[in-house]
């Protein structure tokens, strides 16, 4: 048990650093995707609440492709970070990141909320 310490009556092993060389890229994607998603939400809410600010709505500016890009970046980072810190080899972690991006894009496409004005008649 080299390097092990006893803390509060329990043997604690030193933590080996997990994650591959792409961990920093995954982390950057998580941060950028989360910030972009929050900005997207707040700009969308603000453009609905303030009359005449429809041009600030990210859905009207960037459309579905913009929403898919934000979801894809966030999914890429989340999938890659999860696989990387689980100890997967780099190639499998990269494949998990791509899978996470694809799943997030599908979620943004099929679980997204439709525009409230689209179904109203009157």
PDB file of N, CA and C in Angstrom:
ATOM      1  N   UNK A   1       0.841  -1.196   0.000  1.00  0.00           N
ATOM      2  CA  UNK A   1       0.000   0.000   0.000  1.00  0.00           C
ATOM      3  C   UNK A   1       0.871   1.240   0.000  1.00  0.00           C
ATOM      4  N   UNK A   2       1.671   1.399  -1.008  1.00  0.00           N
ATOM      5  CA  UNK A   2       2.515   2.589  -1.041  1.00  0.00           C
ATOM      6  C   UNK A   2       1.676   3.792  -1.433  1.00  0.00           C
ATOM      7  N   UNK A   3       1.855   4.858  -0.713  1.00  0.00           N
ATOM      8  CA  UNK A   3       1.134   6.092  -0.998  1.00  0.00           C
ATOM      9  C   UNK A   3      -0.227   6.172  -0.336  1.00  0.00           C
ATOM     10  N   UNK A   4      -0.705   5.103   0.268  1.00  0.00           N
ATOM     11  CA  UNK A   4      -2.008   5.106   0.915  1.00  0.00           C
ATOM     12  C   UNK A   4      -1.903   5.812   2.258  1.00  0.00           C
ATOM     13  N   UNK A   5      -2.968   6.496   2.625  1.00  0.00           N
ATOM     14  CA  UNK A   5      -3.017   7.191   3.890  1.00  0.00           C
ATOM     15  C   UNK A   5      -4.254   6.733   4.649  1.00  0.00           C
ATOM     16  N   UNK A   6      -4.193   6.895   5.954  1.00  0.00           N
ATOM     17  CA  UNK A   6      -5.348   6.578   6.778  1.00  0.00           C
ATOM     18  C   UNK A   6      -5.999   7.896   7.173  1.00  0.00           C
ATOM     19  N   UNK A   7      -7.269   8.013   6.836  1.00  0.00           N
ATOM     20  CA  UNK A   7      -8.009   9.236   7.135  1.00  0.00           C
ATOM     21  C   UNK A   7      -9.323   8.838   7.784  1.00  0.00           C
ATOM     22  N   UNK A   8      -9.539   9.259   9.015  1.00  0.00           N
ATOM     23  CA  UNK A   8     -10.759   8.974   9.777  1.00  0.00           C
ATOM     24  C   UNK A   8     -11.033   7.473   9.832  1.00  0.00           C
ATOM     25  N   UNK A   9      -9.951   6.688   9.982  1.00  0.00           N
ATOM     26  CA  UNK A   9     -10.105   5.256  10.117  1.00  0.00           C
ATOM     27  C   UNK A   9     -10.262   4.504   8.803  1.00  0.00           C
ATOM     28  N   UNK A  10     -10.201   5.193   7.679  1.00  0.00           N
ATOM     29  CA  UNK A  10     -10.351   4.561   6.369  1.00  0.00           C
ATOM     30  C   UNK A  10      -9.051   4.697   5.585  1.00  0.00           C
ATOM     31  N   UNK A  11      -8.733   3.679   4.826  1.00  0.00           N
ATOM     32  CA  UNK A  11      -7.548   3.735   3.980  1.00  0.00           C
ATOM     33  C   UNK A  11      -7.917   4.461   2.691  1.00  0.00           C
ATOM     34  N   UNK A  12      -7.188   5.507   2.390  1.00  0.00           N
ATOM     35  CA  UNK A  12      -7.460   6.324   1.213  1.00  0.00           C
ATOM     36  C   UNK A  12      -6.303   6.171   0.247  1.00  0.00           C
ATOM     37  N   UNK A  13      -6.611   5.714  -0.962  1.00  0.00           N
ATOM     38  CA  UNK A  13      -5.604   5.574  -2.010  1.00  0.00           C
ATOM     39  C   UNK A  13      -5.464   6.903  -2.744  1.00  0.00           C
ATOM     40  N   UNK A  14      -4.248   7.231  -3.166  1.00  0.00           N
ATOM     41  CA  UNK A  14      -4.105   8.462  -3.951  1.00  0.00           C
ATOM     42  C   UNK A  14      -4.828   8.309  -5.288  1.00  0.00           C
ATOM     43  N   UNK A  15      -5.447   9.369  -5.731  1.00  0.00           N
ATOM     44  CA  UNK A  15      -6.216   9.353  -6.966  1.00  0.00           C
ATOM     45  C   UNK A  15      -5.270   9.466  -8.157  1.00  0.00           C
ATOM     46  N   UNK A  16      -5.388   8.505  -9.053  1.00  0.00           N
ATOM     47  CA  UNK A  16      -4.602   8.626 -10.270  1.00  0.00           C
ATOM     48  C   UNK A  16      -5.332   9.566 -11.206  1.00  0.00           C
ATOM     49  N   UNK A  17      -4.593  10.355 -11.925  1.00  0.00           N
ATOM     50  CA  UNK A  17      -5.204  11.323 -12.825  1.00  0.00           C
ATOM     51  C   UNK A  17      -5.834  10.585 -13.994  1.00  0.00           C
ATOM     52  N   UNK A  18      -7.109  10.797 -14.178  1.00  0.00           N
ATOM     53  CA  UNK A  18      -7.807  10.169 -15.283  1.00  0.00           C
ATOM     54  C   UNK A  18      -8.046  11.208 -16.364  1.00  0.00           C
ATOM     55  N   UNK A  19      -8.321  10.717 -17.520  1.00  0.00           N
ATOM     56  CA  UNK A  19      -8.599  11.609 -18.624  1.00  0.00           C
ATOM     57  C   UNK A  19      -7.452  11.575 -19.606  1.00  0.00           C
ATOM     58  N   UNK A  20      -7.793  11.658 -20.849  1.00  0.00           N
ATOM     59  CA  UNK A  20      -6.780  11.621 -21.893  1.00  0.00           C
ATOM     60  C   UNK A  20      -6.356  13.020 -22.301  1.00  0.00           C
ATOM     61  N   UNK A  21      -5.641  13.089 -23.392  1.00  0.00           N
ATOM     62  CA  UNK A  21      -5.149  14.390 -23.845  1.00  0.00           C
ATOM     63  C   UNK A  21      -6.245  15.323 -24.346  1.00  0.00           C
ATOM     64  N   UNK A  22      -7.399  14.778 -24.640  1.00  0.00           N
ATOM     65  CA  UNK A  22      -8.485  15.614 -25.142  1.00  0.00           C
ATOM     66  C   UNK A  22      -9.379  16.163 -24.029  1.00  0.00           C
ATOM     67  N   UNK A  23      -9.044  15.873 -22.783  1.00  0.00           N
ATOM     68  CA  UNK A  23      -9.883  16.300 -21.668  1.00  0.00           C
ATOM     69  C   UNK A  23     -10.067  17.807 -21.635  1.00  0.00           C
ATOM     70  N   UNK A  24      -9.025  18.544 -21.942  1.00  0.00           N
ATOM     71  CA  UNK A  24      -9.145  20.009 -21.951  1.00  0.00           C
ATOM     72  C   UNK A  24     -10.100  20.470 -23.048  1.00  0.00           C
ATOM     73  N   UNK A  25     -10.063  19.812 -24.179  1.00  0.00           N
ATOM     74  CA  UNK A  25     -10.978  20.176 -25.268  1.00  0.00           C
ATOM     75  C   UNK A  25     -12.414  19.858 -24.875  1.00  0.00           C
ATOM     76  N   UNK A  26     -12.625  18.712 -24.243  1.00  0.00           N
ATOM     77  CA  UNK A  26     -13.970  18.372 -23.776  1.00  0.00           C
ATOM     78  C   UNK A  26     -14.460  19.399 -22.757  1.00  0.00           C
ATOM     79  N   UNK A  27     -13.589  19.794 -21.845  1.00  0.00           N
ATOM     80  CA  UNK A  27     -13.975  20.766 -20.822  1.00  0.00           C
ATOM     81  C   UNK A  27     -14.333  22.105 -21.448  1.00  0.00           C
ATOM     82  N   UNK A  28     -13.564  22.536 -22.429  1.00  0.00           N
ATOM     83  CA  UNK A  28     -13.863  23.794 -23.115  1.00  0.00           C
ATOM     84  C   UNK A  28     -15.205  23.701 -23.817  1.00  0.00           C
ATOM     85  N   UNK A  29     -15.488  22.557 -24.438  1.00  0.00           N
ATOM     86  CA  UNK A  29     -16.775  22.377 -25.113  1.00  0.00           C
ATOM     87  C   UNK A  29     -17.937  22.395 -24.132  1.00  0.00           C
ATOM     88  N   UNK A  30     -17.750  21.806 -22.958  1.00  0.00           N
ATOM     89  CA  UNK A  30     -18.812  21.834 -21.951  1.00  0.00           C
ATOM     90  C   UNK A  30     -19.092  23.267 -21.521  1.00  0.00           C
ATOM     91  N   UNK A  31     -18.048  24.014 -21.234  1.00  0.00           N
ATOM     92  CA  UNK A  31     -18.229  25.399 -20.777  1.00  0.00           C
ATOM     93  C   UNK A  31     -18.847  26.251 -21.881  1.00  0.00           C
ATOM     94  N   UNK A  32     -18.307  26.168 -23.092  1.00  0.00           N
ATOM     95  CA  UNK A  32     -18.852  26.963 -24.192  1.00  0.00           C
ATOM     96  C   UNK A  32     -20.292  26.575 -24.506  1.00  0.00           C
ATOM     97  N   UNK A  33     -20.582  25.285 -24.505  1.00  0.00           N
ATOM     98  CA  UNK A  33     -21.941  24.839 -24.781  1.00  0.00           C
ATOM     99  C   UNK A  33     -22.925  25.271 -23.712  1.00  0.00           C
ATOM    100  N   UNK A  34     -22.533  25.175 -22.457  1.00  0.00           N
ATOM    101  CA  UNK A  34     -23.424  25.574 -21.363  1.00  0.00           C
ATOM    102  C   UNK A  34     -23.668  27.079 -21.380  1.00  0.00           C
ATOM    103  N   UNK A  35     -22.617  27.852 -21.597  1.00  0.00           N
ATOM    104  CA  UNK A  35     -22.770  29.310 -21.660  1.00  0.00           C
ATOM    105  C   UNK A  35     -23.631  29.699 -22.855  1.00  0.00           C
ATOM    106  N   UNK A  36     -23.391  29.073 -24.002  1.00  0.00           N
ATOM    107  CA  UNK A  36     -24.188  29.371 -25.188  1.00  0.00           C
ATOM    108  C   UNK A  36     -25.650  29.003 -24.988  1.00  0.00           C
ATOM    109  N   UNK A  37     -25.907  27.881 -24.322  1.00  0.00           N
ATOM    110  CA  UNK A  37     -27.294  27.475 -24.064  1.00  0.00           C
ATOM    111  C   UNK A  37     -27.984  28.469 -23.130  1.00  0.00           C
ATOM    112  N   UNK A  38     -27.278  28.917 -22.097  1.00  0.00           N
ATOM    113  CA  UNK A  38     -27.868  29.908 -21.190  1.00  0.00           C
ATOM    114  C   UNK A  38     -28.128  31.229 -21.899  1.00  0.00           C
ATOM    115  N   UNK A  39     -27.187  31.667 -22.724  1.00  0.00           N
ATOM    116  CA  UNK A  39     -27.387  32.897 -23.484  1.00  0.00           C
ATOM    117  C   UNK A  39     -28.574  32.743 -24.430  1.00  0.00           C
ATOM    118  N   UNK A  40     -28.674  31.589 -25.077  1.00  0.00           N
ATOM    119  CA  UNK A  40     -29.778  31.312 -25.995  1.00  0.00           C
ATOM    120  C   UNK A  40     -31.124  31.421 -25.259  1.00  0.00           C
ATOM    121  N   UNK A  41     -31.188  30.823 -24.079  1.00  0.00           N
ATOM    122  CA  UNK A  41     -32.430  30.839 -23.305  1.00  0.00           C
ATOM    123  C   UNK A  41     -32.786  32.249 -22.870  1.00  0.00           C
ATOM    124  N   UNK A  42     -31.823  32.976 -22.310  1.00  0.00           N
ATOM    125  CA  UNK A  42     -32.127  34.312 -21.806  1.00  0.00           C
ATOM    126  C   UNK A  42     -32.435  35.302 -22.924  1.00  0.00           C
ATOM    127  N   UNK A  43     -31.750  35.203 -24.051  1.00  0.00           N
ATOM    128  CA  UNK A  43     -32.089  36.080 -25.176  1.00  0.00           C
ATOM    129  C   UNK A  43     -33.465  35.748 -25.732  1.00  0.00           C
ATOM    130  N   UNK A  44     -33.800  34.470 -25.770  1.00  0.00           N
ATOM    131  CA  UNK A  44     -35.134  34.082 -26.228  1.00  0.00           C
ATOM    132  C   UNK A  44     -36.224  34.592 -25.305  1.00  0.00           C
ATOM    133  N   UNK A  45     -35.990  34.489 -23.997  1.00  0.00           N
ATOM    134  CA  UNK A  45     -36.969  35.003 -23.045  1.00  0.00           C
ATOM    135  C   UNK A  45     -37.068  36.519 -23.110  1.00  0.00           C
ATOM    136  N   UNK A  46     -35.936  37.178 -23.245  1.00  0.00           N
ATOM    137  CA  UNK A  46     -35.929  38.636 -23.309  1.00  0.00           C
ATOM    138  C   UNK A  46     -36.600  39.171 -24.554  1.00  0.00           C
ATOM    139  N   UNK A  47     -36.428  38.498 -25.662  1.00  0.00           N
ATOM    140  CA  UNK A  47     -37.041  38.984 -26.898  1.00  0.00           C
ATOM    141  C   UNK A  47     -38.557  38.796 -26.881  1.00  0.00           C
ATOM    142  N   UNK A  48     -39.033  37.802 -26.127  1.00  0.00           N
ATOM    143  CA  UNK A  48     -40.474  37.607 -26.009  1.00  0.00           C
ATOM    144  C   UNK A  48     -41.085  38.609 -25.037  1.00  0.00           C
ATOM    145  N   UNK A  49     -40.347  38.977 -24.005  1.00  0.00           N
ATOM    146  CA  UNK A  49     -40.892  39.839 -22.959  1.00  0.00           C
ATOM    147  C   UNK A  49     -40.873  41.308 -23.344  1.00  0.00           C
ATOM    148  N   UNK A  50     -39.939  41.705 -24.194  1.00  0.00           N
ATOM    149  CA  UNK A  50     -39.799  43.116 -24.560  1.00  0.00           C
ATOM    150  C   UNK A  50     -40.344  43.322 -25.975  1.00  0.00           C
ATOM    151  N   UNK A  51     -41.399  44.104 -26.116  1.00  0.00           N
ATOM    152  CA  UNK A  51     -41.943  44.336 -27.454  1.00  0.00           C
ATOM    153  C   UNK A  51     -40.921  45.048 -28.349  1.00  0.00           C
ATOM    154  N   UNK A  52     -40.848  44.624 -29.585  1.00  0.00           N
ATOM    155  CA  UNK A  52     -39.934  45.251 -30.533  1.00  0.00           C
ATOM    156  C   UNK A  52     -38.528  44.682 -30.502  1.00  0.00           C
ATOM    157  N   UNK A  53     -38.262  43.725 -29.643  1.00  0.00           N
ATOM    158  CA  UNK A  53     -36.929  43.123 -29.540  1.00  0.00           C
ATOM    159  C   UNK A  53     -36.896  41.739 -30.178  1.00  0.00           C
ATOM    160  N   UNK A  54     -37.731  41.514 -31.169  1.00  0.00           N
ATOM    161  CA  UNK A  54     -37.776  40.206 -31.825  1.00  0.00           C
ATOM    162  C   UNK A  54     -36.457  39.904 -32.530  1.00  0.00           C
ATOM    163  N   UNK A  55     -35.694  40.928 -32.898  1.00  0.00           N
ATOM    164  CA  UNK A  55     -34.427  40.697 -33.592  1.00  0.00           C
ATOM    165  C   UNK A  55     -33.374  40.078 -32.670  1.00  0.00           C
ATOM    166  N   UNK A  56     -33.578  40.165 -31.363  1.00  0.00           N
ATOM    167  CA  UNK A  56     -32.620  39.584 -30.414  1.00  0.00           C
ATOM    168  C   UNK A  56     -32.863  38.091 -30.201  1.00  0.00           C
ATOM    169  N   UNK A  57     -33.972  37.577 -30.724  1.00  0.00           N
ATOM    170  CA  UNK A  57     -34.301  36.171 -30.544  1.00  0.00           C
ATOM    171  C   UNK A  57     -33.306  35.309 -31.312  1.00  0.00           C
ATOM    172  N   UNK A  58     -32.567  34.433 -30.622  1.00  0.00           N
ATOM    173  CA  UNK A  58     -31.567  33.617 -31.317  1.00  0.00           C
ATOM    174  C   UNK A  58     -32.184  32.628 -32.301  1.00  0.00           C
ATOM    175  N   UNK A  59     -33.416  32.215 -32.049  1.00  0.00           N
ATOM    176  CA  UNK A  59     -34.067  31.273 -32.967  1.00  0.00           C
ATOM    177  C   UNK A  59     -34.344  31.938 -34.314  1.00  0.00           C
ATOM    178  N   UNK A  60     -34.709  33.220 -34.289  1.00  0.00           N
ATOM    179  CA  UNK A  60     -34.952  33.906 -35.560  1.00  0.00           C
ATOM    180  C   UNK A  60     -33.642  34.338 -36.225  1.00  0.00           C
ATOM    181  N   UNK A  61     -32.601  34.540 -35.442  1.00  0.00           N
ATOM    182  CA  UNK A  61     -31.307  34.944 -36.014  1.00  0.00           C
ATOM    183  C   UNK A  61     -30.517  33.765 -36.558  1.00  0.00           C
ATOM    184  N   UNK A  62     -30.463  32.676 -35.798  1.00  0.00           N
ATOM    185  CA  UNK A  62     -29.618  31.544 -36.157  1.00  0.00           C
ATOM    186  C   UNK A  62     -30.409  30.321 -36.604  1.00  0.00           C
ATOM    187  N   UNK A  63     -31.688  30.278 -36.306  1.00  0.00           N
ATOM    188  CA  UNK A  63     -32.539  29.179 -36.734  1.00  0.00           C
ATOM    189  C   UNK A  63     -32.237  27.871 -36.033  1.00  0.00           C
ATOM    190  N   UNK A  64     -32.762  26.810 -36.639  1.00  0.00           N
ATOM    191  CA  UNK A  64     -32.579  25.486 -36.055  1.00  0.00           C
ATOM    192  C   UNK A  64     -31.123  25.050 -36.077  1.00  0.00           C
ATOM    193  N   UNK A  65     -30.403  25.430 -37.111  1.00  0.00           N
ATOM    194  CA  UNK A  65     -28.993  25.030 -37.196  1.00  0.00           C
ATOM    195  C   UNK A  65     -28.175  25.593 -36.041  1.00  0.00           C
ATOM    196  N   UNK A  66     -28.477  26.804 -35.632  1.00  0.00           N
ATOM    197  CA  UNK A  66     -27.785  27.387 -34.484  1.00  0.00           C
ATOM    198  C   UNK A  66     -28.085  26.624 -33.211  1.00  0.00           C
ATOM    199  N   UNK A  67     -29.357  26.250 -33.040  1.00  0.00           N
ATOM    200  CA  UNK A  67     -29.741  25.468 -31.860  1.00  0.00           C
ATOM    201  C   UNK A  67     -29.045  24.114 -31.870  1.00  0.00           C
ATOM    202  N   UNK A  68     -28.964  23.491 -33.047  1.00  0.00           N
ATOM    203  CA  UNK A  68     -28.294  22.197 -33.148  1.00  0.00           C
ATOM    204  C   UNK A  68     -26.796  22.334 -32.876  1.00  0.00           C
ATOM    205  N   UNK A  69     -26.202  23.433 -33.303  1.00  0.00           N
ATOM    206  CA  UNK A  69     -24.768  23.636 -33.068  1.00  0.00           C
ATOM    207  C   UNK A  69     -24.476  23.770 -31.575  1.00  0.00           C
ATOM    208  N   UNK A  70     -25.302  24.541 -30.881  1.00  0.00           N
ATOM    209  CA  UNK A  70     -25.119  24.702 -29.434  1.00  0.00           C
ATOM    210  C   UNK A  70     -25.296  23.355 -28.729  1.00  0.00           C
ATOM    211  N   UNK A  71     -26.328  22.630 -29.093  1.00  0.00           N
ATOM    212  CA  UNK A  71     -26.569  21.321 -28.484  1.00  0.00           C
ATOM    213  C   UNK A  71     -25.438  20.344 -28.804  1.00  0.00           C
ATOM    214  N   UNK A  72     -24.939  20.379 -30.021  1.00  0.00           N
ATOM    215  CA  UNK A  72     -23.865  19.483 -30.411  1.00  0.00           C
ATOM    216  C   UNK A  72     -22.572  19.741 -29.665  1.00  0.00           C
ATOM    217  N   UNK A  73     -22.234  21.011 -29.486  1.00  0.00           N
ATOM    218  CA  UNK A  73     -21.006  21.347 -28.748  1.00  0.00           C
ATOM    219  C   UNK A  73     -21.123  20.893 -27.295  1.00  0.00           C
ATOM    220  N   UNK A  74     -22.270  21.146 -26.695  1.00  0.00           N
ATOM    221  CA  UNK A  74     -22.473  20.728 -25.305  1.00  0.00           C
ATOM    222  C   UNK A  74     -22.450  19.204 -25.191  1.00  0.00           C
ATOM    223  N   UNK A  75     -23.120  18.519 -26.111  1.00  0.00           N
ATOM    224  CA  UNK A  75     -23.138  17.054 -26.079  1.00  0.00           C
ATOM    225  C   UNK A  75     -21.767  16.448 -26.318  1.00  0.00           C
ATOM    226  N   UNK A  76     -20.988  17.047 -27.215  1.00  0.00           N
ATOM    227  CA  UNK A  76     -19.634  16.577 -27.473  1.00  0.00           C
ATOM    228  C   UNK A  76     -18.792  16.663 -26.206  1.00  0.00           C
ATOM    229  N   UNK A  77     -18.865  17.783 -25.529  1.00  0.00           N
ATOM    230  CA  UNK A  77     -18.094  17.952 -24.301  1.00  0.00           C
ATOM    231  C   UNK A  77     -18.536  17.019 -23.199  1.00  0.00           C
ATOM    232  N   UNK A  78     -19.846  16.870 -23.015  1.00  0.00           N
ATOM    233  CA  UNK A  78     -20.347  16.002 -21.950  1.00  0.00           C
ATOM    234  C   UNK A  78     -20.017  14.536 -22.209  1.00  0.00           C
ATOM    235  N   UNK A  79     -20.217  14.096 -23.439  1.00  0.00           N
ATOM    236  CA  UNK A  79     -19.906  12.704 -23.767  1.00  0.00           C
ATOM    237  C   UNK A  79     -18.423  12.410 -23.644  1.00  0.00           C
ATOM    238  N   UNK A  80     -17.606  13.330 -24.121  1.00  0.00           N
ATOM    239  CA  UNK A  80     -16.163  13.139 -24.056  1.00  0.00           C
ATOM    240  C   UNK A  80     -15.627  13.168 -22.634  1.00  0.00           C
ATOM    241  N   UNK A  81     -16.113  14.109 -21.834  1.00  0.00           N
ATOM    242  CA  UNK A  81     -15.660  14.184 -20.437  1.00  0.00           C
ATOM    243  C   UNK A  81     -16.064  12.941 -19.670  1.00  0.00           C
ATOM    244  N   UNK A  82     -17.272  12.484 -19.872  1.00  0.00           N
ATOM    245  CA  UNK A  82     -17.739  11.288 -19.163  1.00  0.00           C
ATOM    246  C   UNK A  82     -16.868  10.084 -19.497  1.00  0.00           C
ATOM    247  N   UNK A  83     -16.643   9.867 -20.786  1.00  0.00           N
ATOM    248  CA  UNK A  83     -15.853   8.707 -21.202  1.00  0.00           C
ATOM    249  C   UNK A  83     -14.392   8.852 -20.799  1.00  0.00           C
ATOM    250  N   UNK A  84     -13.878  10.053 -20.900  1.00  0.00           N
ATOM    251  CA  UNK A  84     -12.474  10.278 -20.579  1.00  0.00           C
ATOM    252  C   UNK A  84     -12.197  10.025 -19.091  1.00  0.00           C
ATOM    253  N   UNK A  85     -13.061  10.531 -18.224  1.00  0.00           N
ATOM    254  CA  UNK A  85     -12.858  10.339 -16.800  1.00  0.00           C
ATOM    255  C   UNK A  85     -13.267   8.958 -16.331  1.00  0.00           C
ATOM    256  N   UNK A  86     -13.956   8.209 -17.181  1.00  0.00           N
ATOM    257  CA  UNK A  86     -14.258   6.813 -16.854  1.00  0.00           C
ATOM    258  C   UNK A  86     -13.064   5.917 -17.156  1.00  0.00           C
ATOM    259  N   UNK A  87     -12.037   6.477 -17.784  1.00  0.00           N
ATOM    260  CA  UNK A  87     -10.832   5.717 -18.057  1.00  0.00           C
ATOM    261  C   UNK A  87     -10.814   5.065 -19.426  1.00  0.00           C
ATOM    262  N   UNK A  88     -11.722   5.457 -20.302  1.00  0.00           N
ATOM    263  CA  UNK A  88     -11.749   4.881 -21.637  1.00  0.00           C
ATOM    264  C   UNK A  88     -10.528   5.356 -22.418  1.00  0.00           C
ATOM    265  N   UNK A  89     -10.105   4.548 -23.374  1.00  0.00           N
ATOM    266  CA  UNK A  89      -8.991   4.963 -24.223  1.00  0.00           C
ATOM    267  C   UNK A  89      -9.451   6.129 -25.090  1.00  0.00           C
ATOM    268  N   UNK A  90      -8.495   6.871 -25.625  1.00  0.00           N
ATOM    269  CA  UNK A  90      -8.792   8.116 -26.327  1.00  0.00           C
ATOM    270  C   UNK A  90      -9.742   7.918 -27.501  1.00  0.00           C
ATOM    271  N   UNK A  91      -9.545   6.867 -28.270  1.00  0.00           N
ATOM    272  CA  UNK A  91     -10.406   6.650 -29.435  1.00  0.00           C
ATOM    273  C   UNK A  91     -11.851   6.392 -29.024  1.00  0.00           C
ATOM    274  N   UNK A  92     -12.052   5.587 -27.991  1.00  0.00           N
ATOM    275  CA  UNK A  92     -13.412   5.332 -27.518  1.00  0.00           C
ATOM    276  C   UNK A  92     -14.036   6.580 -26.903  1.00  0.00           C
ATOM    277  N   UNK A  93     -13.233   7.370 -26.203  1.00  0.00           N
ATOM    278  CA  UNK A  93     -13.745   8.613 -25.632  1.00  0.00           C
ATOM    279  C   UNK A  93     -14.154   9.584 -26.735  1.00  0.00           C
ATOM    280  N   UNK A  94     -13.386   9.616 -27.807  1.00  0.00           N
ATOM    281  CA  UNK A  94     -13.726  10.478 -28.941  1.00  0.00           C
ATOM    282  C   UNK A  94     -15.013   9.998 -29.610  1.00  0.00           C
ATOM    283  N   UNK A  95     -15.179   8.694 -29.707  1.00  0.00           N
ATOM    284  CA  UNK A  95     -16.417   8.153 -30.266  1.00  0.00           C
ATOM    285  C   UNK A  95     -17.605   8.448 -29.348  1.00  0.00           C
ATOM    286  N   UNK A  96     -17.394   8.387 -28.048  1.00  0.00           N
ATOM    287  CA  UNK A  96     -18.454   8.728 -27.098  1.00  0.00           C
ATOM    288  C   UNK A  96     -18.807  10.205 -27.194  1.00  0.00           C
ATOM    289  N   UNK A  97     -17.797  11.047 -27.422  1.00  0.00           N
ATOM    290  CA  UNK A  97     -18.053  12.474 -27.585  1.00  0.00           C
ATOM    291  C   UNK A  97     -18.903  12.723 -28.828  1.00  0.00           C
ATOM    292  N   UNK A  98     -18.569  12.041 -29.918  1.00  0.00           N
ATOM    293  CA  UNK A  98     -19.357  12.187 -31.143  1.00  0.00           C
ATOM    294  C   UNK A  98     -20.778  11.666 -30.933  1.00  0.00           C
ATOM    295  N   UNK A  99     -20.903  10.561 -30.203  1.00  0.00           N
ATOM    296  CA  UNK A  99     -22.228  10.037 -29.893  1.00  0.00           C
ATOM    297  C   UNK A  99     -23.029  10.981 -29.016  1.00  0.00           C
ATOM    298  N   UNK A 100     -22.358  11.611 -28.049  1.00  0.00           N
ATOM    299  CA  UNK A 100     -23.033  12.594 -27.203  1.00  0.00           C
ATOM    300  C   UNK A 100     -23.514  13.794 -28.003  1.00  0.00           C
ATOM    301  N   UNK A 101     -22.699  14.227 -28.954  1.00  0.00           N
ATOM    302  CA  UNK A 101     -23.103  15.344 -29.813  1.00  0.00           C
ATOM    303  C   UNK A 101     -24.320  14.965 -30.641  1.00  0.00           C
ATOM    304  N   UNK A 102     -24.292  13.765 -31.211  1.00  0.00           N
ATOM    305  CA  UNK A 102     -25.417  13.323 -32.035  1.00  0.00           C
ATOM    306  C   UNK A 102     -26.702  13.203 -31.212  1.00  0.00           C
ATOM    307  N   UNK A 103     -26.588  12.662 -30.002  1.00  0.00           N
ATOM    308  CA  UNK A 103     -27.772  12.529 -29.151  1.00  0.00           C
ATOM    309  C   UNK A 103     -28.334  13.881 -28.732  1.00  0.00           C
ATOM    310  N   UNK A 104     -27.460  14.833 -28.456  1.00  0.00           N
ATOM    311  CA  UNK A 104     -27.938  16.166 -28.082  1.00  0.00           C
ATOM    312  C   UNK A 104     -28.612  16.866 -29.259  1.00  0.00           C
ATOM    313  N   UNK A 105     -28.076  16.682 -30.456  1.00  0.00           N
ATOM    314  CA  UNK A 105     -28.707  17.277 -31.631  1.00  0.00           C
ATOM    315  C   UNK A 105     -30.085  16.646 -31.851  1.00  0.00           C
ATOM    316  N   UNK A 106     -30.187  15.326 -31.703  1.00  0.00           N
ATOM    317  CA  UNK A 106     -31.487  14.668 -31.833  1.00  0.00           C
ATOM    318  C   UNK A 106     -32.459  15.152 -30.757  1.00  0.00           C
ATOM    319  N   UNK A 107     -31.971  15.337 -29.545  1.00  0.00           N
ATOM    320  CA  UNK A 107     -32.827  15.846 -28.477  1.00  0.00           C
ATOM    321  C   UNK A 107     -33.288  17.264 -28.783  1.00  0.00           C
ATOM    322  N   UNK A 108     -32.393  18.090 -29.311  1.00  0.00           N
ATOM    323  CA  UNK A 108     -32.772  19.464 -29.657  1.00  0.00           C
ATOM    324  C   UNK A 108     -33.786  19.476 -30.796  1.00  0.00           C
ATOM    325  N   UNK A 109     -33.678  18.507 -31.679  1.00  0.00           N
ATOM    326  CA  UNK A 109     -34.597  18.466 -32.816  1.00  0.00           C
ATOM    327  C   UNK A 109     -35.971  17.937 -32.426  1.00  0.00           C
ATOM    328  N   UNK A 110     -36.003  16.818 -31.716  1.00  0.00           N
ATOM    329  CA  UNK A 110     -37.281  16.167 -31.471  1.00  0.00           C
ATOM    330  C   UNK A 110     -37.907  16.488 -30.122  1.00  0.00           C
ATOM    331  N   UNK A 111     -37.137  17.004 -29.184  1.00  0.00           N
ATOM    332  CA  UNK A 111     -37.684  17.367 -27.881  1.00  0.00           C
ATOM    333  C   UNK A 111     -37.778  18.869 -27.692  1.00  0.00           C
ATOM    334  N   UNK A 112     -37.423  19.621 -28.723  1.00  0.00           N
ATOM    335  CA  UNK A 112     -37.488  21.077 -28.647  1.00  0.00           C
ATOM    336  C   UNK A 112     -38.935  21.546 -28.591  1.00  0.00           C
ATOM    337  N   UNK A 113     -39.117  22.720 -28.045  1.00  0.00           N
ATOM    338  CA  UNK A 113     -40.450  23.293 -27.920  1.00  0.00           C
ATOM    339  C   UNK A 113     -40.764  24.055 -29.192  1.00  0.00           C
ATOM    340  N   UNK A 114     -41.924  23.791 -29.758  1.00  0.00           N
ATOM    341  CA  UNK A 114     -42.344  24.505 -30.960  1.00  0.00           C
ATOM    342  C   UNK A 114     -42.690  25.945 -30.605  1.00  0.00           C
ATOM    343  N   UNK A 115     -42.612  26.792 -31.593  1.00  0.00           N
ATOM    344  CA  UNK A 115     -42.933  28.205 -31.400  1.00  0.00           C
ATOM    345  C   UNK A 115     -44.396  28.343 -30.984  1.00  0.00           C
ATOM    346  N   UNK A 116     -44.642  29.115 -29.945  1.00  0.00           N
ATOM    347  CA  UNK A 116     -45.998  29.262 -29.410  1.00  0.00           C
ATOM    348  C   UNK A 116     -46.900  29.989 -30.399  1.00  0.00           C
ATOM    349  N   UNK A 117     -46.366  30.860 -31.219  1.00  0.00           N
ATOM    350  CA  UNK A 117     -47.177  31.625 -32.169  1.00  0.00           C
ATOM    351  C   UNK A 117     -47.579  30.798 -33.375  1.00  0.00           C
ATOM    352  N   UNK A 118     -46.908  29.691 -33.631  1.00  0.00           N
ATOM    353  CA  UNK A 118     -47.139  28.923 -34.853  1.00  0.00           C
ATOM    354  C   UNK A 118     -48.514  28.265 -34.864  1.00  0.00           C
ATOM    355  N   UNK A 119     -49.005  27.808 -33.718  1.00  0.00           N
ATOM    356  CA  UNK A 119     -50.266  27.090 -33.688  1.00  0.00           C
ATOM    357  C   UNK A 119     -51.479  27.955 -33.412  1.00  0.00           C
ATOM    358  N   UNK A 120     -51.309  29.227 -33.149  1.00  0.00           N
ATOM    359  CA  UNK A 120     -52.423  30.085 -32.800  1.00  0.00           C
ATOM    360  C   UNK A 120     -53.129  30.581 -34.054  1.00  0.00           C
ATOM    361  N   UNK A 121     -54.422  30.541 -34.009  1.00  0.00           N
ATOM    362  CA  UNK A 121     -55.234  31.147 -35.064  1.00  0.00           C
ATOM    363  C   UNK A 121     -56.211  32.074 -34.402  1.00  0.00           C
ATOM    364  N   UNK A 122     -56.531  33.118 -35.067  1.00  0.00           N
ATOM    365  CA  UNK A 122     -57.491  33.955 -34.373  1.00  0.00           C
ATOM    366  C   UNK A 122     -57.457  35.300 -34.850  1.00  0.00           C
TER     367      UNK A 122
END
